[in-house]
Amino acid sequence: MNRLSREKQTRIIAALVEGNSLRSTARMCDVAFNTVLNLLPDIGHACAEYQDKTLNNLKCRRIQVDECWSFCYAKQKNVPEKKKGQFGYGDVWTWVAIDADTKLVPSFMVGNRDGQTAKIFIDDLKSRLASRIQLPSDGLKVYLEAVEGAFGADIDYAMLHKIYESSQEETRYSPAVCVSCKSQRIQGGPDPKHVSTSYVERQSLSMRMGMRRFTRLTNAFSKKVENHAYSVALYYMHYNFARIHKTIRVTPAMEAEVSDHVWSVEEIAALLGSEAA
């Protein structure tokens, strides 16, 4: 069986992490579409496994969390009747936690926007932290039980409730205007100056720009939720370890002291191991 050279793997991965679609990546790298499609699960799984093992005992102090909407297979309203209610068909949410100081993303998860997913996500986040943190979130109620179950009283937690202008007529491209924000202390003593979700919301924008399948109003959306999750894992491997953040002038992993250098795309490709070369 023919196998990709390491150089070819690196070129494909470099194109994907720069936000290209699978088909454009195949054209740019002069390979078959299925070659790119088959490489994605391998590198996505390798990136998820490496980050799962490496991002532990983190010295984060201020974490922000949020959820980013996307869809797989079809828009929610167009999902066939026999597939309705099945995960991976219709609305899919990517849960993200970001360290406000180092800009590291220690935990991410693809799932539904419900209490079960929130619990798994927050439990995973808690398992990666070395000390007490301040945690702001939006007003999604499922966070309440999830945070209490994972952290108990050992957290400074606050919710940020955004108030929108209800009189504004919403259009397809213009959501209602946020007119004010109200913070609510839930647990501990969160510093009011840092009750914000600005960093994680900006990270959601970066994610949309960095993965073609998150782009709205195109046909580049994920057809399978598994490939969607693999793309997220690859994106955050590159974001955490290989992309220099303009604010901190190093990679988030270096700032968080989990890496001592800027990773190259070749190093990310090497996570596949020699058997995949």
Protein backbone atom coordinates (compact mmCIF):
# COMPACT_ATOMS: atom_id res chain seq x y z
CA MET A 1 0.00 0.00 0.00
CA ASN A 2 1.31 3.47 -0.88
CA ARG A 3 2.09 5.68 2.11
CA LEU A 4 2.52 9.42 2.32
CA SER A 5 6.01 10.76 2.83
CA ARG A 6 6.61 12.86 5.94
CA GLU A 7 7.06 15.90 3.69
CA LYS A 8 3.65 15.35 2.10
CA GLN A 9 2.02 14.83 5.49
CA THR A 10 3.54 18.07 6.71
CA ARG A 11 2.29 20.01 3.69
CA ILE A 12 -1.24 18.68 4.17
CA ILE A 13 -1.28 19.45 7.88
CA ALA A 14 0.13 22.95 7.27
CA ALA A 15 -2.67 23.66 4.80
CA LEU A 16 -5.35 22.38 7.19
CA VAL A 17 -4.18 24.41 10.20
CA GLU A 18 -4.21 27.55 8.05
CA GLY A 19 -7.94 27.17 7.53
CA ASN A 20 -8.13 25.47 4.14
CA SER A 21 -10.88 23.01 3.32
CA LEU A 22 -10.16 19.36 2.59
CA ARG A 23 -10.67 19.81 -1.14
CA SER A 24 -8.54 22.94 -1.43
CA THR A 25 -5.84 21.19 0.61
CA ALA A 26 -5.94 18.25 -1.79
CA ARG A 27 -5.52 20.61 -4.76
CA MET A 28 -2.71 22.60 -3.13
CA CYS A 29 -0.77 19.49 -2.12
CA ASP A 30 -1.50 17.59 -5.35
CA VAL A 31 -3.02 14.59 -3.61
CA ALA A 32 -6.38 12.86 -3.79
CA PHE A 33 -9.23 14.16 -1.66
CA ASN A 34 -9.49 10.80 0.11
CA THR A 35 -5.80 11.02 1.01
CA VAL A 36 -6.49 14.18 3.01
CA LEU A 37 -9.68 12.71 4.42
CA ASN A 38 -7.84 9.60 5.60
CA LEU A 39 -4.97 11.55 7.15
CA LEU A 40 -7.25 13.78 9.25
CA PRO A 41 -8.44 11.07 11.71
CA ASP A 42 -4.87 9.83 12.22
CA ILE A 43 -3.35 13.22 12.98
CA GLY A 44 -6.43 14.40 14.90
CA HIS A 45 -6.33 11.36 17.19
CA ALA A 46 -2.57 11.76 17.71
CA CYS A 47 -2.98 15.46 18.61
CA ALA A 48 -5.84 14.74 21.02
CA GLU A 49 -3.85 11.97 22.71
CA TYR A 50 -0.71 14.11 23.06
CA GLN A 51 -2.58 17.05 24.57
CA ASP A 52 -4.50 14.75 26.91
CA LYS A 53 -1.21 13.43 28.31
CA THR A 54 0.67 16.74 28.33
CA LEU A 55 -1.81 19.37 29.53
CA ASN A 56 -1.91 18.39 33.20
CA ASN A 57 -0.95 19.94 36.54
CA LEU A 58 -1.34 23.40 34.99
CA LYS A 59 -0.69 26.52 37.07
CA CYS A 60 -3.60 28.46 35.58
CA ARG A 61 -5.30 31.09 37.76
CA ARG A 62 -7.99 32.62 35.55
CA ILE A 63 -9.95 30.41 33.15
CA GLN A 64 -12.79 31.48 30.86
CA VAL A 65 -15.23 29.01 29.29
CA ASP A 66 -17.72 29.23 26.43
CA GLU A 67 -19.44 27.16 23.73
CA CYS A 68 -19.19 27.72 19.97
CA TRP A 69 -22.02 26.60 17.68
CA SER A 70 -21.64 24.69 14.45
CA PHE A 71 -23.50 21.88 12.73
CA CYS A 72 -22.74 18.51 11.17
CA TYR A 73 -24.40 16.60 8.34
CA ALA A 74 -27.16 19.21 7.92
CA LYS A 75 -28.69 22.23 9.59
CA GLN A 76 -30.92 21.25 12.50
CA LYS A 77 -34.10 22.03 10.58
CA ASN A 78 -33.00 19.87 7.63
CA VAL A 79 -32.01 16.74 9.57
CA PRO A 80 -34.01 13.72 8.25
CA GLU A 81 -36.68 12.45 10.57
CA LYS A 82 -34.92 9.11 11.14
CA LYS A 83 -31.75 10.87 12.31
CA LYS A 84 -33.31 13.53 14.54
CA GLY A 85 -32.10 13.35 18.12
CA GLN A 86 -28.90 11.52 17.20
CA PHE A 87 -25.66 13.23 18.16
CA GLY A 88 -23.70 14.38 15.12
CA TYR A 89 -26.76 15.31 13.08
CA GLY A 90 -27.67 18.98 13.28
CA ASP A 91 -26.41 21.33 16.00
CA VAL A 92 -22.98 20.55 17.46
CA TRP A 93 -21.20 22.66 20.07
CA THR A 94 -17.49 23.03 20.75
CA TRP A 95 -16.80 23.75 24.43
CA VAL A 96 -13.59 25.68 25.05
CA ALA A 97 -11.66 26.76 28.14
CA ILE A 98 -8.87 29.34 27.84
CA ASP A 99 -6.36 30.64 30.37
CA ALA A 100 -6.68 34.44 30.39
CA ASP A 101 -3.00 34.87 31.32
CA THR A 102 -1.12 32.37 29.16
CA LYS A 103 -3.80 32.07 26.43
CA LEU A 104 -3.43 28.29 26.66
CA VAL A 105 -6.50 26.18 25.84
CA PRO A 106 -6.23 23.35 28.41
CA SER A 107 -9.55 21.70 27.62
CA PHE A 108 -11.93 21.49 24.66
CA MET A 109 -14.78 19.19 23.78
CA VAL A 110 -17.24 18.59 20.96
CA GLY A 111 -20.72 17.69 22.13
CA ASN A 112 -24.27 18.85 22.77
CA ARG A 113 -25.19 21.97 24.70
CA ASP A 114 -26.61 20.14 27.69
CA GLY A 115 -25.89 19.28 31.30
CA GLN A 116 -24.19 15.95 30.59
CA THR A 117 -21.70 17.51 28.18
CA ALA A 118 -21.10 20.42 30.57
CA LYS A 119 -20.29 17.97 33.37
CA ILE A 120 -17.79 16.00 31.28
CA PHE A 121 -16.16 19.22 30.05
CA ILE A 122 -15.83 20.85 33.47
CA ASP A 123 -14.67 17.60 35.09
CA ASP A 124 -11.93 17.35 32.47
CA LEU A 125 -10.92 20.96 33.05
CA LYS A 126 -10.72 20.43 36.81
CA SER A 127 -8.51 17.36 36.38
CA ARG A 128 -5.89 19.43 34.54
CA LEU A 129 -5.48 22.20 37.12
CA ALA A 130 -2.95 22.38 39.95
CA SER A 131 -4.60 25.07 42.08
CA ARG A 132 -7.71 27.15 42.75
CA ILE A 133 -8.91 29.28 39.84
CA GLN A 134 -11.29 32.10 39.05
CA LEU A 135 -13.85 30.96 36.49
CA PRO A 136 -16.28 33.23 34.65
CA SER A 137 -18.85 31.78 32.26
CA ASP A 138 -21.88 33.02 30.38
CA GLY A 139 -25.34 32.59 31.84
CA LEU A 140 -25.89 29.03 30.60
CA LYS A 141 -27.55 27.29 33.55
CA VAL A 142 -25.97 23.88 32.98
CA TYR A 143 -22.66 25.33 34.21
CA LEU A 144 -24.06 25.70 37.73
CA GLU A 145 -24.35 22.01 38.53
CA ALA A 146 -21.27 21.09 36.48
CA VAL A 147 -18.98 23.57 38.27
CA GLU A 148 -20.32 22.70 41.71
CA GLY A 149 -19.91 18.99 41.03
CA ALA A 150 -16.31 19.35 39.83
CA PHE A 151 -14.94 22.07 42.12
CA GLY A 152 -17.27 22.21 45.11
CA ALA A 153 -16.34 25.25 47.16
CA ASP A 154 -12.74 25.32 45.89
CA ILE A 155 -13.33 27.92 43.18
CA ASP A 156 -14.09 31.61 42.61
CA TYR A 157 -16.95 31.37 40.15
CA ALA A 158 -19.11 34.04 38.57
CA MET A 159 -21.60 34.19 35.72
CA LEU A 160 -21.82 37.01 33.20
CA HIS A 161 -25.38 37.64 32.05
CA LYS A 162 -25.64 39.63 28.83
CA ILE A 163 -28.72 41.75 28.24
CA TYR A 164 -29.77 42.30 24.64
CA GLU A 165 -31.89 45.03 23.10
CA SER A 166 -35.20 43.23 22.76
CA SER A 167 -36.76 45.98 20.66
CA GLN A 168 -34.26 45.51 17.82
CA GLU A 169 -35.53 43.58 14.83
CA GLU A 170 -33.11 40.72 14.27
CA THR A 171 -31.99 39.89 10.74
CA ARG A 172 -30.14 36.93 9.32
CA TYR A 173 -26.76 38.60 9.61
CA SER A 174 -27.30 41.05 12.46
CA PRO A 175 -27.98 39.63 15.93
CA ALA A 176 -29.54 41.76 18.64
CA VAL A 177 -27.28 44.38 20.20
CA CYS A 178 -25.86 43.63 23.65
CA VAL A 179 -26.74 46.71 25.71
CA SER A 180 -25.34 45.71 29.09
CA CYS A 181 -23.72 42.93 31.11
CA LYS A 182 -24.52 41.88 34.66
CA SER A 183 -22.13 39.74 36.68
CA GLN A 184 -23.37 37.38 39.38
CA ARG A 185 -21.17 35.82 42.04
CA ILE A 186 -21.90 32.11 42.36
CA GLN A 187 -19.12 30.72 44.55
CA GLY A 188 -16.08 32.04 46.42
CA GLY A 189 -14.78 35.56 45.93
CA PRO A 190 -14.26 36.24 42.21
CA ASP A 191 -12.48 39.50 41.39
CA PRO A 192 -15.08 41.69 39.62
CA LYS A 193 -12.37 43.15 37.36
CA HIS A 194 -11.81 39.74 35.81
CA VAL A 195 -15.40 38.56 35.42
CA SER A 196 -15.29 38.50 31.63
CA THR A 197 -15.58 36.08 28.73
CA SER A 198 -13.83 38.31 26.20
CA TYR A 199 -10.80 36.07 25.68
CA VAL A 200 -12.76 32.89 25.11
CA GLU A 201 -15.22 34.65 22.81
CA ARG A 202 -12.29 35.95 20.78
CA GLN A 203 -10.95 32.41 20.72
CA SER A 204 -14.24 31.28 19.20
CA LEU A 205 -13.68 33.79 16.40
CA SER A 206 -10.14 32.51 15.89
CA MET A 207 -11.53 28.97 15.70
CA ARG A 208 -14.03 29.98 13.03
CA MET A 209 -11.26 31.62 11.01
CA GLY A 210 -8.83 28.74 11.55
CA MET A 211 -11.08 25.85 10.49
CA ARG A 212 -12.93 25.99 7.21
CA ARG A 213 -15.69 23.69 8.48
CA PHE A 214 -16.72 26.39 11.00
CA THR A 215 -17.29 29.01 8.29
CA ARG A 216 -20.93 30.02 8.06
CA LEU A 217 -23.04 29.88 4.88
CA THR A 218 -20.76 27.50 2.93
CA ASN A 219 -20.86 23.82 2.04
CA ALA A 220 -17.60 23.18 3.92
CA PHE A 221 -19.40 22.07 7.09
CA SER A 222 -18.51 18.70 8.65
CA LYS A 223 -20.39 15.73 7.27
CA LYS A 224 -19.24 13.48 10.13
CA VAL A 225 -18.94 14.61 13.74
CA GLU A 226 -15.86 12.42 14.22
CA ASN A 227 -13.94 14.39 11.58
CA HIS A 228 -15.22 17.58 13.16
CA ALA A 229 -13.68 16.56 16.50
CA TYR A 230 -10.41 15.52 14.85
CA SER A 231 -10.15 18.92 13.17
CA VAL A 232 -10.67 20.67 16.51
CA ALA A 233 -7.91 18.56 18.10
CA LEU A 234 -5.49 19.38 15.27
CA TYR A 235 -6.37 23.07 15.42
CA TYR A 236 -5.69 23.32 19.17
CA MET A 237 -2.46 21.33 18.89
CA HIS A 238 -1.21 23.91 16.43
CA TYR A 239 -2.67 26.83 18.41
CA ASN A 240 -1.21 25.73 21.76
CA PHE A 241 2.20 24.53 20.63
CA ALA A 242 3.08 25.97 17.21
CA ARG A 243 1.49 29.40 16.77
CA ILE A 244 3.12 32.40 18.42
CA HIS A 245 0.47 34.50 20.16
CA LYS A 246 0.86 38.18 19.32
CA THR A 247 0.10 39.32 22.86
CA ILE A 248 2.56 37.12 24.75
CA ARG A 249 5.10 36.76 21.86
CA VAL A 250 5.53 33.03 22.46
CA THR A 251 3.22 30.06 22.09
CA PRO A 252 0.61 29.51 24.82
CA ALA A 253 2.28 26.20 25.72
CA MET A 254 5.60 27.96 26.29
CA GLU A 255 3.95 30.64 28.42
CA ALA A 256 2.26 27.92 30.48
CA GLU A 257 5.60 26.10 30.84
CA VAL A 258 4.49 22.88 29.20
CA SER A 259 6.80 23.32 26.21
CA ASP A 260 10.27 24.85 25.85
CA HIS A 261 10.17 25.75 22.16
CA VAL A 262 7.93 26.69 19.24
CA TRP A 263 6.77 23.51 17.56
CA SER A 264 7.05 23.19 13.80
CA VAL A 265 4.40 21.57 11.65
CA GLU A 266 6.94 18.80 11.01
CA GLU A 267 6.95 18.02 14.74
CA ILE A 268 3.16 17.83 14.76
CA ALA A 269 3.30 15.45 11.79
CA ALA A 270 5.84 13.36 13.67
CA LEU A 271 3.16 12.58 16.28
CA LEU A 272 1.84 10.11 13.71
CA GLY A 273 4.90 7.91 14.31
CA SER A 274 7.11 6.25 11.76
CA GLU A 275 4.52 3.59 10.93
CA ALA A 276 2.28 6.26 9.37
CA ALA A 277 5.04 7.73 7.19
